[in-house]
Amino acid sequence: MSRMLLIEDDVETVDEVAGYFRSRGYDVDCATTGPDGLTQATAGSADVLVVDRMLPGLDGLAILGTLRRNDIRTPALVLSALSELDDRVRGLRAGGDDYLGKPFALSELAARIEALLRRPVTGAETMLRVGPLELNLITHTARRGSRTLELLPRELRLLEYMMRRVGQTVTRTMLFEDVWGYNFTPRSNLVDVHMGRLRRKLDLNREEELLSNVRGVGFVLRSPS
């Protein structure tokens, strides 16, 4: 039996969704406020989360951001009446694994939940590897080959973020929102300064460049050829 945590403040939606999934054999817990949802999600007993975008007390995306920063990787689907492209992108960047606009068909929600439950579980992941790079998520230490990287806490967080998105161009806005937790883009070179320091520590002497700047866009971490 799969356990779902439904975090939704609309009583009619709660009754409809919870009743539908219980009829399909799910064990469904419900929370109607952001703080209560975060408390239950942090307990880690759910196999999948369904999180409303707009909640009293704490925004749904803030819940997901807090969970991901605490390395709680329970698959999550965001429900929202905000279904424009920018809203969907924001939901996924905050830590959502899928995004479904309201109104929705219960059959589509069920199909999406089933797809999330089929994904490999990554919550127990303790080591990230990209080519010669290794990042231990338990001891918070990093190496390139036989060389230990002396990284500050923010640099470790940046490295983890980039290693989880190897080959993907990451924008400065993504880093401000996901690593620093800002909901706006400060007019500063904060990201460039930290990424420059990380880059100098990763790529020494004649080592193949792994972390590079994408002019006018952001940064990319590439696995060596």
N, C-alpha and C. Protein backbone atom coordinates (compact mmCIF):
# COMPACT_ATOMS: atom_id res chain seq x y z
N MET A 1 0.84 -1.19 0.00
CA MET A 1 0.00 0.00 0.00
C MET A 1 0.88 1.25 0.00
N SER A 2 0.66 2.13 -0.95
CA SER A 2 1.43 3.38 -1.02
C SER A 2 0.78 4.42 -0.12
N ARG A 3 1.61 5.22 0.54
CA ARG A 3 1.12 6.26 1.44
C ARG A 3 1.31 7.62 0.77
N MET A 4 0.22 8.37 0.67
CA MET A 4 0.23 9.70 0.09
C MET A 4 -0.01 10.74 1.18
N LEU A 5 0.73 11.85 1.10
CA LEU A 5 0.43 13.01 1.92
C LEU A 5 -0.12 14.09 1.00
N LEU A 6 -1.37 14.47 1.22
CA LEU A 6 -2.04 15.51 0.44
C LEU A 6 -2.05 16.79 1.26
N ILE A 7 -1.38 17.82 0.75
CA ILE A 7 -1.32 19.12 1.43
C ILE A 7 -2.13 20.09 0.60
N GLU A 8 -3.35 20.36 1.03
CA GLU A 8 -4.32 21.11 0.24
C GLU A 8 -5.32 21.77 1.20
N ASP A 9 -5.62 23.05 0.99
CA ASP A 9 -6.51 23.76 1.92
C ASP A 9 -7.96 23.80 1.45
N ASP A 10 -8.23 23.44 0.21
CA ASP A 10 -9.61 23.44 -0.28
C ASP A 10 -10.29 22.13 0.14
N VAL A 11 -11.31 22.25 0.99
CA VAL A 11 -11.95 21.07 1.58
C VAL A 11 -12.56 20.16 0.51
N GLU A 12 -13.18 20.76 -0.49
CA GLU A 12 -13.81 19.95 -1.56
C GLU A 12 -12.75 19.16 -2.32
N THR A 13 -11.61 19.79 -2.61
CA THR A 13 -10.54 19.08 -3.32
C THR A 13 -9.96 17.97 -2.45
N VAL A 14 -9.80 18.24 -1.15
CA VAL A 14 -9.28 17.23 -0.24
C VAL A 14 -10.19 16.01 -0.22
N ASP A 15 -11.49 16.24 -0.08
CA ASP A 15 -12.44 15.12 -0.02
C ASP A 15 -12.42 14.33 -1.33
N GLU A 16 -12.37 15.04 -2.45
CA GLU A 16 -12.42 14.38 -3.75
C GLU A 16 -11.16 13.56 -4.01
N VAL A 17 -9.99 14.18 -3.80
CA VAL A 17 -8.73 13.49 -4.08
C VAL A 17 -8.48 12.36 -3.09
N ALA A 18 -8.66 12.64 -1.81
CA ALA A 18 -8.42 11.61 -0.79
C ALA A 18 -9.34 10.43 -0.98
N GLY A 19 -10.63 10.69 -1.25
CA GLY A 19 -11.58 9.60 -1.46
C GLY A 19 -11.23 8.76 -2.67
N TYR A 20 -10.82 9.43 -3.75
CA TYR A 20 -10.47 8.71 -4.98
C TYR A 20 -9.28 7.78 -4.77
N PHE A 21 -8.23 8.30 -4.13
CA PHE A 21 -7.03 7.48 -3.96
C PHE A 21 -7.22 6.40 -2.90
N ARG A 22 -8.00 6.67 -1.88
CA ARG A 22 -8.30 5.62 -0.90
C ARG A 22 -9.06 4.48 -1.55
N SER A 23 -9.94 4.81 -2.51
CA SER A 23 -10.68 3.76 -3.21
C SER A 23 -9.77 2.92 -4.09
N ARG A 24 -8.58 3.47 -4.40
CA ARG A 24 -7.61 2.74 -5.22
C ARG A 24 -6.55 2.06 -4.37
N GLY A 25 -6.75 2.04 -3.05
CA GLY A 25 -5.86 1.30 -2.18
C GLY A 25 -4.75 2.10 -1.52
N TYR A 26 -4.75 3.42 -1.70
CA TYR A 26 -3.73 4.26 -1.09
C TYR A 26 -4.09 4.57 0.37
N ASP A 27 -3.07 4.73 1.17
CA ASP A 27 -3.22 5.25 2.53
C ASP A 27 -2.96 6.76 2.42
N VAL A 28 -3.98 7.59 2.64
CA VAL A 28 -3.87 9.03 2.40
C VAL A 28 -3.95 9.80 3.71
N ASP A 29 -2.90 10.58 3.99
CA ASP A 29 -2.91 11.54 5.09
C ASP A 29 -3.12 12.93 4.49
N CYS A 30 -3.75 13.82 5.27
CA CYS A 30 -4.06 15.14 4.75
C CYS A 30 -3.59 16.24 5.70
N ALA A 31 -3.19 17.35 5.12
CA ALA A 31 -2.85 18.56 5.88
C ALA A 31 -3.47 19.73 5.14
N THR A 32 -4.06 20.67 5.89
CA THR A 32 -4.77 21.78 5.25
C THR A 32 -4.06 23.12 5.43
N THR A 33 -2.90 23.12 6.09
CA THR A 33 -2.11 24.35 6.20
C THR A 33 -0.66 24.04 5.83
N GLY A 34 0.08 25.07 5.45
CA GLY A 34 1.48 24.88 5.10
C GLY A 34 2.33 24.34 6.24
N PRO A 35 2.27 24.94 7.43
CA PRO A 35 3.09 24.44 8.54
C PRO A 35 2.78 22.99 8.91
N ASP A 36 1.50 22.62 8.93
CA ASP A 36 1.14 21.24 9.25
C ASP A 36 1.66 20.30 8.16
N GLY A 37 1.55 20.74 6.90
CA GLY A 37 2.06 19.92 5.80
C GLY A 37 3.55 19.70 5.89
N LEU A 38 4.28 20.75 6.23
CA LEU A 38 5.74 20.63 6.36
C LEU A 38 6.10 19.68 7.49
N THR A 39 5.39 19.77 8.61
CA THR A 39 5.66 18.88 9.74
C THR A 39 5.45 17.42 9.36
N GLN A 40 4.33 17.15 8.69
CA GLN A 40 4.04 15.76 8.31
C GLN A 40 5.01 15.27 7.24
N ALA A 41 5.35 16.14 6.28
CA ALA A 41 6.27 15.73 5.22
C ALA A 41 7.66 15.46 5.77
N THR A 42 8.07 16.25 6.77
CA THR A 42 9.39 16.08 7.37
C THR A 42 9.50 14.76 8.10
N ALA A 43 8.36 14.25 8.60
CA ALA A 43 8.37 12.97 9.31
C ALA A 43 8.81 11.84 8.40
N GLY A 44 8.63 12.01 7.09
CA GLY A 44 9.18 11.06 6.12
C GLY A 44 8.43 9.77 5.96
N SER A 45 7.15 9.71 6.37
CA SER A 45 6.41 8.45 6.26
C SER A 45 5.69 8.30 4.92
N ALA A 46 5.59 9.39 4.16
CA ALA A 46 4.86 9.33 2.88
C ALA A 46 5.75 8.81 1.76
N ASP A 47 5.12 8.12 0.81
CA ASP A 47 5.82 7.66 -0.40
C ASP A 47 5.74 8.70 -1.50
N VAL A 48 4.73 9.56 -1.45
CA VAL A 48 4.55 10.60 -2.46
C VAL A 48 3.80 11.77 -1.84
N LEU A 49 4.12 12.98 -2.29
CA LEU A 49 3.47 14.19 -1.80
C LEU A 49 2.66 14.83 -2.93
N VAL A 50 1.48 15.32 -2.59
CA VAL A 50 0.70 16.17 -3.49
C VAL A 50 0.54 17.49 -2.77
N VAL A 51 1.13 18.55 -3.30
CA VAL A 51 1.25 19.82 -2.58
C VAL A 51 0.59 20.94 -3.37
N ASP A 52 -0.38 21.61 -2.75
CA ASP A 52 -1.00 22.77 -3.38
C ASP A 52 -0.02 23.92 -3.41
N ARG A 53 -0.08 24.72 -4.47
CA ARG A 53 0.84 25.85 -4.62
C ARG A 53 0.59 26.94 -3.59
N MET A 54 -0.68 27.29 -3.36
CA MET A 54 -1.05 28.37 -2.46
C MET A 54 -1.68 27.78 -1.20
N LEU A 55 -1.04 27.97 -0.06
CA LEU A 55 -1.49 27.40 1.20
C LEU A 55 -1.45 28.45 2.30
N PRO A 56 -2.34 28.36 3.28
CA PRO A 56 -2.26 29.29 4.42
C PRO A 56 -1.07 28.97 5.31
N GLY A 57 -0.37 30.01 5.72
CA GLY A 57 0.72 29.84 6.68
C GLY A 57 2.08 29.62 6.06
N LEU A 58 2.14 28.91 4.94
CA LEU A 58 3.42 28.61 4.29
C LEU A 58 3.15 28.16 2.86
N ASP A 59 3.75 28.83 1.90
CA ASP A 59 3.57 28.51 0.49
C ASP A 59 4.05 27.10 0.18
N GLY A 60 3.35 26.45 -0.76
CA GLY A 60 3.71 25.08 -1.13
C GLY A 60 5.13 24.96 -1.65
N LEU A 61 5.61 25.95 -2.40
CA LEU A 61 6.97 25.89 -2.91
C LEU A 61 7.99 26.07 -1.80
N ALA A 62 7.63 26.84 -0.78
CA ALA A 62 8.52 26.99 0.38
C ALA A 62 8.65 25.66 1.12
N ILE A 63 7.55 24.91 1.18
CA ILE A 63 7.60 23.57 1.80
C ILE A 63 8.58 22.69 1.05
N LEU A 64 8.46 22.66 -0.27
CA LEU A 64 9.34 21.81 -1.07
C LEU A 64 10.79 22.25 -0.96
N GLY A 65 11.02 23.55 -0.98
CA GLY A 65 12.38 24.06 -0.84
C GLY A 65 13.01 23.64 0.48
N THR A 66 12.23 23.71 1.55
CA THR A 66 12.74 23.31 2.87
C THR A 66 13.05 21.82 2.90
N LEU A 67 12.17 21.02 2.34
CA LEU A 67 12.40 19.57 2.31
C LEU A 67 13.66 19.23 1.53
N ARG A 68 13.82 19.83 0.36
CA ARG A 68 14.98 19.49 -0.48
C ARG A 68 16.28 19.95 0.17
N ARG A 69 16.26 21.11 0.83
CA ARG A 69 17.47 21.57 1.51
C ARG A 69 17.86 20.66 2.66
N ASN A 70 16.87 19.95 3.21
CA ASN A 70 17.14 18.99 4.28
C ASN A 70 17.28 17.57 3.74
N ASP A 71 17.49 17.46 2.43
CA ASP A 71 17.75 16.19 1.75
C ASP A 71 16.61 15.19 1.90
N ILE A 72 15.38 15.70 2.00
CA ILE A 72 14.19 14.84 1.98
C ILE A 72 13.70 14.80 0.54
N ARG A 73 13.84 13.65 -0.11
CA ARG A 73 13.63 13.55 -1.56
C ARG A 73 12.33 12.85 -1.93
N THR A 74 11.34 12.84 -1.03
CA THR A 74 10.06 12.22 -1.35
C THR A 74 9.50 12.81 -2.63
N PRO A 75 9.12 11.99 -3.61
CA PRO A 75 8.56 12.54 -4.86
C PRO A 75 7.37 13.44 -4.58
N ALA A 76 7.29 14.56 -5.29
CA ALA A 76 6.24 15.54 -5.02
C ALA A 76 5.63 16.06 -6.31
N LEU A 77 4.31 16.15 -6.32
CA LEU A 77 3.58 16.76 -7.43
C LEU A 77 2.93 18.03 -6.91
N VAL A 78 3.11 19.13 -7.64
CA VAL A 78 2.55 20.42 -7.27
C VAL A 78 1.21 20.61 -7.98
N LEU A 79 0.16 20.96 -7.20
CA LEU A 79 -1.13 21.32 -7.75
C LEU A 79 -1.27 22.83 -7.71
N SER A 80 -1.77 23.44 -8.78
CA SER A 80 -1.90 24.89 -8.75
C SER A 80 -2.86 25.39 -9.82
N ALA A 81 -3.59 26.45 -9.45
CA ALA A 81 -4.41 27.15 -10.43
C ALA A 81 -3.55 28.02 -11.33
N LEU A 82 -2.29 28.22 -10.92
CA LEU A 82 -1.33 28.97 -11.73
C LEU A 82 -0.65 28.00 -12.68
N SER A 83 -1.00 28.03 -13.94
CA SER A 83 -0.51 27.01 -14.87
C SER A 83 0.28 27.58 -16.03
N GLU A 84 0.67 28.86 -15.94
CA GLU A 84 1.51 29.43 -16.99
C GLU A 84 2.90 28.78 -16.95
N LEU A 85 3.64 28.89 -18.05
CA LEU A 85 4.94 28.25 -18.15
C LEU A 85 5.87 28.67 -17.01
N ASP A 86 5.93 29.96 -16.70
CA ASP A 86 6.83 30.44 -15.65
C ASP A 86 6.46 29.83 -14.30
N ASP A 87 5.16 29.65 -14.05
CA ASP A 87 4.73 29.05 -12.78
C ASP A 87 5.13 27.59 -12.71
N ARG A 88 5.01 26.87 -13.83
CA ARG A 88 5.40 25.46 -13.85
C ARG A 88 6.90 25.32 -13.64
N VAL A 89 7.67 26.16 -14.31
CA VAL A 89 9.13 26.12 -14.16
C VAL A 89 9.52 26.40 -12.72
N ARG A 90 8.88 27.40 -12.12
CA ARG A 90 9.18 27.75 -10.73
C ARG A 90 8.87 26.59 -9.79
N GLY A 91 7.76 25.91 -10.05
CA GLY A 91 7.40 24.76 -9.22
C GLY A 91 8.40 23.63 -9.31
N LEU A 92 8.89 23.36 -10.49
CA LEU A 92 9.87 22.30 -10.68
C LEU A 92 11.21 22.68 -10.08
N ARG A 93 11.60 23.94 -10.23
CA ARG A 93 12.88 24.37 -9.66
C ARG A 93 12.85 24.37 -8.14
N ALA A 94 11.68 24.58 -7.56
CA ALA A 94 11.58 24.61 -6.10
C ALA A 94 11.74 23.22 -5.50
N GLY A 95 11.65 22.19 -6.32
CA GLY A 95 11.80 20.83 -5.80
C GLY A 95 10.67 19.90 -6.18
N GLY A 96 9.70 20.41 -6.95
CA GLY A 96 8.63 19.54 -7.41
C GLY A 96 9.12 18.60 -8.50
N ASP A 97 8.57 17.40 -8.53
CA ASP A 97 8.93 16.42 -9.57
C ASP A 97 7.94 16.46 -10.72
N ASP A 98 6.77 17.03 -10.48
CA ASP A 98 5.77 17.16 -11.53
C ASP A 98 4.85 18.32 -11.12
N TYR A 99 4.06 18.79 -12.09
CA TYR A 99 3.23 19.97 -11.88
C TYR A 99 1.93 19.77 -12.65
N LEU A 100 0.80 19.95 -11.96
CA LEU A 100 -0.49 19.74 -12.60
C LEU A 100 -1.39 20.94 -12.31
N GLY A 101 -1.87 21.58 -13.37
CA GLY A 101 -2.73 22.75 -13.20
C GLY A 101 -4.16 22.38 -12.85
N LYS A 102 -4.80 23.27 -12.09
CA LYS A 102 -6.22 23.11 -11.76
C LYS A 102 -7.06 23.84 -12.81
N PRO A 103 -8.24 23.32 -13.14
CA PRO A 103 -8.82 22.04 -12.70
C PRO A 103 -8.14 20.87 -13.40
N PHE A 104 -8.25 19.70 -12.82
CA PHE A 104 -7.58 18.53 -13.37
C PHE A 104 -8.50 17.32 -13.28
N ALA A 105 -8.20 16.32 -14.09
CA ALA A 105 -8.94 15.05 -14.04
C ALA A 105 -8.25 14.13 -13.05
N LEU A 106 -9.02 13.48 -12.21
CA LEU A 106 -8.45 12.57 -11.23
C LEU A 106 -7.67 11.44 -11.89
N SER A 107 -8.13 11.02 -13.07
CA SER A 107 -7.42 9.94 -13.76
C SER A 107 -6.02 10.39 -14.18
N GLU A 108 -5.88 11.66 -14.59
CA GLU A 108 -4.55 12.16 -14.95
C GLU A 108 -3.67 12.29 -13.72
N LEU A 109 -4.24 12.79 -12.62
CA LEU A 109 -3.48 12.88 -11.38
C LEU A 109 -2.99 11.50 -10.96
N ALA A 110 -3.86 10.49 -11.06
CA ALA A 110 -3.47 9.13 -10.68
C ALA A 110 -2.34 8.61 -11.56
N ALA A 111 -2.41 8.88 -12.86
CA ALA A 111 -1.36 8.41 -13.77
C ALA A 111 -0.02 9.07 -13.43
N ARG A 112 -0.06 10.36 -13.10
CA ARG A 112 1.17 11.07 -12.76
C ARG A 112 1.75 10.56 -11.44
N ILE A 113 0.88 10.28 -10.48
CA ILE A 113 1.35 9.76 -9.19
C ILE A 113 1.97 8.38 -9.38
N GLU A 114 1.34 7.54 -10.19
CA GLU A 114 1.89 6.21 -10.46
C GLU A 114 3.27 6.31 -11.12
N ALA A 115 3.44 7.29 -12.01
CA ALA A 115 4.74 7.48 -12.67
C ALA A 115 5.80 7.91 -11.65
N LEU A 116 5.43 8.78 -10.73
CA LEU A 116 6.39 9.21 -9.70
C LEU A 116 6.79 8.04 -8.81
N LEU A 117 5.86 7.19 -8.48
CA LEU A 117 6.15 6.06 -7.60
C LEU A 117 7.01 5.00 -8.29
N ARG A 118 7.03 5.00 -9.61
CA ARG A 118 7.87 4.04 -10.34
C ARG A 118 9.31 4.50 -10.44
N ARG A 119 9.58 5.78 -10.14
CA ARG A 119 10.95 6.29 -10.25
C ARG A 119 11.84 5.67 -9.19
N PRO A 120 13.14 5.48 -9.49
CA PRO A 120 14.06 4.95 -8.48
C PRO A 120 14.13 5.87 -7.28
N VAL A 121 14.21 5.30 -6.11
CA VAL A 121 14.33 6.08 -4.88
C VAL A 121 15.76 6.59 -4.74
N THR A 122 15.93 7.91 -4.53
CA THR A 122 17.26 8.49 -4.42
C THR A 122 17.52 9.09 -3.05
N GLY A 123 16.55 8.96 -2.13
CA GLY A 123 16.69 9.59 -0.82
C GLY A 123 17.89 9.07 -0.05
N ALA A 124 18.28 7.81 -0.30
CA ALA A 124 19.39 7.23 0.46
C ALA A 124 20.74 7.47 -0.21
N GLU A 125 20.74 8.24 -1.29
CA GLU A 125 21.97 8.50 -2.02
C GLU A 125 22.96 9.23 -1.12
N THR A 126 24.18 8.72 -1.04
CA THR A 126 25.17 9.34 -0.16
C THR A 126 26.40 9.82 -0.91
N MET A 127 26.56 9.43 -2.18
CA MET A 127 27.75 9.81 -2.94
C MET A 127 27.35 10.21 -4.35
N LEU A 128 27.81 11.40 -4.76
CA LEU A 128 27.61 11.84 -6.14
C LEU A 128 28.94 11.71 -6.87
N ARG A 129 28.90 11.26 -8.13
CA ARG A 129 30.12 11.11 -8.93
C ARG A 129 29.89 11.66 -10.32
N VAL A 130 30.81 12.48 -10.78
CA VAL A 130 30.84 12.97 -12.15
C VAL A 130 32.28 12.90 -12.60
N GLY A 131 32.59 11.92 -13.46
CA GLY A 131 33.98 11.75 -13.88
C GLY A 131 34.88 11.56 -12.67
N PRO A 132 35.95 12.37 -12.54
CA PRO A 132 36.87 12.23 -11.41
C PRO A 132 36.35 12.89 -10.13
N LEU A 133 35.20 13.57 -10.21
CA LEU A 133 34.66 14.27 -9.05
C LEU A 133 33.83 13.33 -8.18
N GLU A 134 34.03 13.42 -6.87
CA GLU A 134 33.23 12.68 -5.91
C GLU A 134 32.81 13.63 -4.80
N LEU A 135 31.53 13.57 -4.43
CA LEU A 135 31.02 14.38 -3.33
C LEU A 135 30.29 13.47 -2.36
N ASN A 136 30.80 13.40 -1.14
CA ASN A 136 30.18 12.59 -0.10
C ASN A 136 29.17 13.45 0.64
N LEU A 137 27.89 13.08 0.54
CA LEU A 137 26.83 13.88 1.14
C LEU A 137 26.69 13.67 2.63
N ILE A 138 27.35 12.65 3.16
CA ILE A 138 27.31 12.40 4.60
C ILE A 138 28.41 13.16 5.31
N THR A 139 29.63 13.04 4.81
CA THR A 139 30.77 13.70 5.45
C THR A 139 31.00 15.12 4.92
N HIS A 140 30.29 15.48 3.85
CA HIS A 140 30.43 16.81 3.23
C HIS A 140 31.88 17.06 2.81
N THR A 141 32.44 16.07 2.13
CA THR A 141 33.80 16.19 1.61
C THR A 141 33.77 15.91 0.11
N ALA A 142 34.72 16.52 -0.59
CA ALA A 142 34.77 16.37 -2.04
C ALA A 142 36.19 16.06 -2.48
N ARG A 143 36.30 15.30 -3.58
CA ARG A 143 37.60 14.95 -4.13
C ARG A 143 37.53 15.05 -5.65
N ARG A 144 38.69 15.36 -6.23
CA ARG A 144 38.86 15.20 -7.67
C ARG A 144 40.02 14.24 -7.84
N GLY A 145 39.69 13.01 -8.23
CA GLY A 145 40.71 11.96 -8.31
C GLY A 145 41.27 11.71 -6.92
N SER A 146 42.59 11.82 -6.77
CA SER A 146 43.24 11.60 -5.48
C SER A 146 43.36 12.89 -4.67
N ARG A 147 42.87 14.00 -5.23
CA ARG A 147 43.05 15.30 -4.59
C ARG A 147 41.80 15.69 -3.80
N THR A 148 42.00 16.00 -2.51
CA THR A 148 40.90 16.49 -1.68
C THR A 148 40.65 17.97 -1.97
N LEU A 149 39.39 18.32 -2.14
CA LEU A 149 39.02 19.70 -2.42
C LEU A 149 38.64 20.39 -1.11
N GLU A 150 39.32 21.46 -0.80
CA GLU A 150 39.03 22.22 0.42
C GLU A 150 37.94 23.24 0.11
N LEU A 151 36.69 22.84 0.33
CA LEU A 151 35.56 23.68 -0.05
C LEU A 151 34.84 24.23 1.17
N LEU A 152 34.40 25.47 1.05
CA LEU A 152 33.57 26.08 2.08
C LEU A 152 32.14 25.54 1.95
N PRO A 153 31.31 25.67 3.01
CA PRO A 153 29.94 25.13 2.95
C PRO A 153 29.14 25.57 1.74
N ARG A 154 29.21 26.85 1.38
CA ARG A 154 28.46 27.32 0.21
C ARG A 154 29.00 26.70 -1.07
N GLU A 155 30.30 26.50 -1.15
CA GLU A 155 30.89 25.88 -2.33
C GLU A 155 30.48 24.42 -2.44
N LEU A 156 30.36 23.73 -1.31
CA LEU A 156 29.88 22.35 -1.32
C LEU A 156 28.45 22.28 -1.82
N ARG A 157 27.63 23.23 -1.37
CA ARG A 157 26.23 23.26 -1.82
C ARG A 157 26.15 23.55 -3.32
N LEU A 158 26.98 24.46 -3.80
CA LEU A 158 27.01 24.76 -5.23
C LEU A 158 27.47 23.56 -6.04
N LEU A 159 28.49 22.86 -5.53
CA LEU A 159 28.99 21.69 -6.24
C LEU A 159 27.92 20.61 -6.31
N GLU A 160 27.22 20.37 -5.21
CA GLU A 160 26.15 19.38 -5.22
C GLU A 160 25.08 19.76 -6.25
N TYR A 161 24.71 21.03 -6.26
CA TYR A 161 23.68 21.50 -7.19
C TYR A 161 24.10 21.25 -8.64
N MET A 162 25.36 21.55 -8.95
CA MET A 162 25.85 21.37 -10.31
C MET A 162 26.01 19.90 -10.67
N MET A 163 26.47 19.08 -9.73
CA MET A 163 26.65 17.65 -10.00
C MET A 163 25.32 16.96 -10.25
N ARG A 164 24.27 17.43 -9.63
CA ARG A 164 22.94 16.85 -9.86
C ARG A 164 22.37 17.29 -11.21
N ARG A 165 23.01 18.26 -11.85
CA ARG A 165 22.53 18.77 -13.14
C ARG A 165 23.65 18.74 -14.17
N VAL A 166 24.47 17.70 -14.15
CA VAL A 166 25.62 17.60 -15.04
C VAL A 166 25.16 17.73 -16.49
N GLY A 167 25.88 18.56 -17.25
CA GLY A 167 25.57 18.78 -18.65
C GLY A 167 24.47 19.79 -18.90
N GLN A 168 23.83 20.29 -17.83
CA GLN A 168 22.74 21.25 -17.96
C GLN A 168 23.25 22.66 -17.68
N THR A 169 22.90 23.61 -18.51
CA THR A 169 23.27 24.99 -18.25
C THR A 169 22.39 25.54 -17.14
N VAL A 170 23.02 26.00 -16.07
CA VAL A 170 22.32 26.52 -14.89
C VAL A 170 22.44 28.03 -14.87
N THR A 171 21.33 28.72 -14.76
CA THR A 171 21.35 30.18 -14.80
C THR A 171 21.65 30.75 -13.42
N ARG A 172 22.05 32.01 -13.40
CA ARG A 172 22.31 32.70 -12.13
C ARG A 172 21.02 32.79 -11.30
N THR A 173 19.89 32.99 -11.96
CA THR A 173 18.61 33.06 -11.25
C THR A 173 18.31 31.75 -10.54
N MET A 174 18.56 30.62 -11.21
CA MET A 174 18.35 29.32 -10.58
C MET A 174 19.20 29.18 -9.32
N LEU A 175 20.45 29.62 -9.40
CA LEU A 175 21.34 29.51 -8.25
C LEU A 175 20.90 30.43 -7.13
N PHE A 176 20.50 31.66 -7.45
CA PHE A 176 20.00 32.57 -6.42
C PHE A 176 18.80 31.97 -5.69
N GLU A 177 17.87 31.38 -6.46
CA GLU A 177 16.65 30.86 -5.87
C GLU A 177 16.87 29.56 -5.12
N ASP A 178 17.65 28.65 -5.69
CA ASP A 178 17.76 27.30 -5.15
C ASP A 178 18.88 27.13 -4.13
N VAL A 179 19.97 27.87 -4.28
CA VAL A 179 21.11 27.72 -3.36
C VAL A 179 21.08 28.79 -2.28
N TRP A 180 20.78 30.03 -2.67
CA TRP A 180 20.72 31.11 -1.68
C TRP A 180 19.33 31.30 -1.10
N GLY A 181 18.31 30.79 -1.78
CA GLY A 181 16.95 30.92 -1.28
C GLY A 181 16.33 32.29 -1.51
N TYR A 182 16.88 33.08 -2.44
CA TYR A 182 16.32 34.38 -2.76
C TYR A 182 15.16 34.21 -3.74
N ASN A 183 14.11 35.04 -3.58
CA ASN A 183 13.00 35.04 -4.53
C ASN A 183 13.12 36.18 -5.52
N PHE A 184 14.30 36.78 -5.58
CA PHE A 184 14.58 37.84 -6.54
C PHE A 184 16.06 37.74 -6.90
N THR A 185 16.45 38.41 -7.95
CA THR A 185 17.84 38.37 -8.38
C THR A 185 18.56 39.64 -7.92
N PRO A 186 19.42 39.53 -6.91
CA PRO A 186 20.14 40.73 -6.44
C PRO A 186 21.04 41.28 -7.54
N ARG A 187 21.19 42.59 -7.52
CA ARG A 187 22.08 43.23 -8.50
C ARG A 187 23.50 43.19 -7.95
N SER A 188 24.10 42.02 -8.01
CA SER A 188 25.46 41.86 -7.51
C SER A 188 26.13 40.73 -8.28
N ASN A 189 27.43 40.57 -8.05
CA ASN A 189 28.17 39.49 -8.70
C ASN A 189 28.41 38.34 -7.72
N LEU A 190 27.48 38.19 -6.75
CA LEU A 190 27.63 37.18 -5.70
C LEU A 190 27.84 35.78 -6.28
N VAL A 191 27.00 35.39 -7.23
CA VAL A 191 27.11 34.05 -7.82
C VAL A 191 28.43 33.89 -8.54
N ASP A 192 28.81 34.89 -9.31
CA ASP A 192 30.04 34.79 -10.09
C ASP A 192 31.28 34.67 -9.20
N VAL A 193 31.26 35.38 -8.07
CA VAL A 193 32.39 35.30 -7.14
C VAL A 193 32.52 33.90 -6.57
N HIS A 194 31.42 33.34 -6.10
CA HIS A 194 31.47 31.99 -5.51
C HIS A 194 31.77 30.92 -6.55
N MET A 195 31.18 31.06 -7.73
CA MET A 195 31.44 30.06 -8.77
C MET A 195 32.88 30.17 -9.26
N GLY A 196 33.43 31.38 -9.28
CA GLY A 196 34.83 31.53 -9.67
C GLY A 196 35.76 30.83 -8.70
N ARG A 197 35.49 30.97 -7.41
CA ARG A 197 36.30 30.29 -6.40
C ARG A 197 36.19 28.78 -6.52
N LEU A 198 34.97 28.29 -6.72
CA LEU A 198 34.76 26.85 -6.87
C LEU A 198 35.49 26.35 -8.12
N ARG A 199 35.40 27.09 -9.19
CA ARG A 199 36.03 26.69 -10.44
C ARG A 199 37.55 26.58 -10.28
N ARG A 200 38.16 27.54 -9.58
CA ARG A 200 39.61 27.50 -9.38
C ARG A 200 40.04 26.31 -8.53
N LYS A 201 39.18 25.88 -7.63
CA LYS A 201 39.51 24.73 -6.79
C LYS A 201 39.30 23.40 -7.53
N LEU A 202 38.32 23.37 -8.42
CA LEU A 202 38.05 22.15 -9.17
C LEU A 202 39.11 21.89 -10.24
N ASP A 203 39.49 22.93 -10.97
CA ASP A 203 40.35 22.78 -12.15
C ASP A 203 41.71 23.42 -11.89
N LEU A 204 42.68 22.59 -11.58
CA LEU A 204 44.04 23.09 -11.30
C LEU A 204 44.98 22.72 -12.43
N ASN A 205 46.01 23.57 -12.59
CA ASN A 205 47.11 23.27 -13.52
C ASN A 205 46.58 22.87 -14.90
N ARG A 206 46.92 21.66 -15.34
CA ARG A 206 46.51 21.23 -16.68
C ARG A 206 45.35 20.23 -16.65
N GLU A 207 44.62 20.20 -15.55
CA GLU A 207 43.47 19.31 -15.47
C GLU A 207 42.39 19.75 -16.46
N GLU A 208 41.69 18.78 -17.00
CA GLU A 208 40.61 19.09 -17.93
C GLU A 208 39.55 19.93 -17.23
N GLU A 209 39.09 20.97 -17.90
CA GLU A 209 38.10 21.86 -17.30
C GLU A 209 36.76 21.14 -17.17
N LEU A 210 36.21 21.17 -15.96
CA LEU A 210 34.91 20.55 -15.71
C LEU A 210 33.80 21.59 -15.58
N LEU A 211 34.09 22.69 -14.87
CA LEU A 211 33.09 23.73 -14.63
C LEU A 211 33.42 24.94 -15.50
N SER A 212 32.47 25.37 -16.29
CA SER A 212 32.74 26.49 -17.20
C SER A 212 31.60 27.48 -17.21
N ASN A 213 31.94 28.69 -17.61
CA ASN A 213 30.97 29.78 -17.73
C ASN A 213 30.33 29.74 -19.12
N VAL A 214 29.02 29.88 -19.16
CA VAL A 214 28.30 30.00 -20.43
C VAL A 214 27.96 31.48 -20.56
N ARG A 215 28.66 32.16 -21.42
CA ARG A 215 28.58 33.61 -21.50
C ARG A 215 27.14 34.11 -21.66
N GLY A 216 26.77 35.02 -20.76
CA GLY A 216 25.46 35.64 -20.82
C GLY A 216 24.32 34.78 -20.30
N VAL A 217 24.62 33.54 -19.89
CA VAL A 217 23.55 32.63 -19.45
C VAL A 217 23.80 32.15 -18.01
N GLY A 218 24.93 31.47 -17.79
CA GLY A 218 25.19 30.92 -16.46
C GLY A 218 26.40 30.01 -16.46
N PHE A 219 26.22 28.76 -15.99
CA PHE A 219 27.33 27.85 -15.80
C PHE A 219 26.93 26.43 -16.16
N VAL A 220 27.92 25.61 -16.48
CA VAL A 220 27.65 24.22 -16.78
C VAL A 220 28.78 23.36 -16.24
N LEU A 221 28.43 22.22 -15.65
CA LEU A 221 29.41 21.23 -15.21
C LEU A 221 29.33 20.07 -16.19
N ARG A 222 30.46 19.77 -16.85
CA ARG A 222 30.48 18.71 -17.85
C ARG A 222 31.32 17.54 -17.38
N SER A 223 30.84 16.35 -17.68
CA SER A 223 31.64 15.17 -17.43
C SER A 223 32.77 15.12 -18.45
N PRO A 224 33.98 14.76 -18.05
CA PRO A 224 35.11 14.77 -19.00
C PRO A 224 34.89 13.78 -20.13
N SER A 225 35.44 14.12 -21.29
CA SER A 225 35.26 13.27 -22.47
C SER A 225 36.14 12.03 -22.35
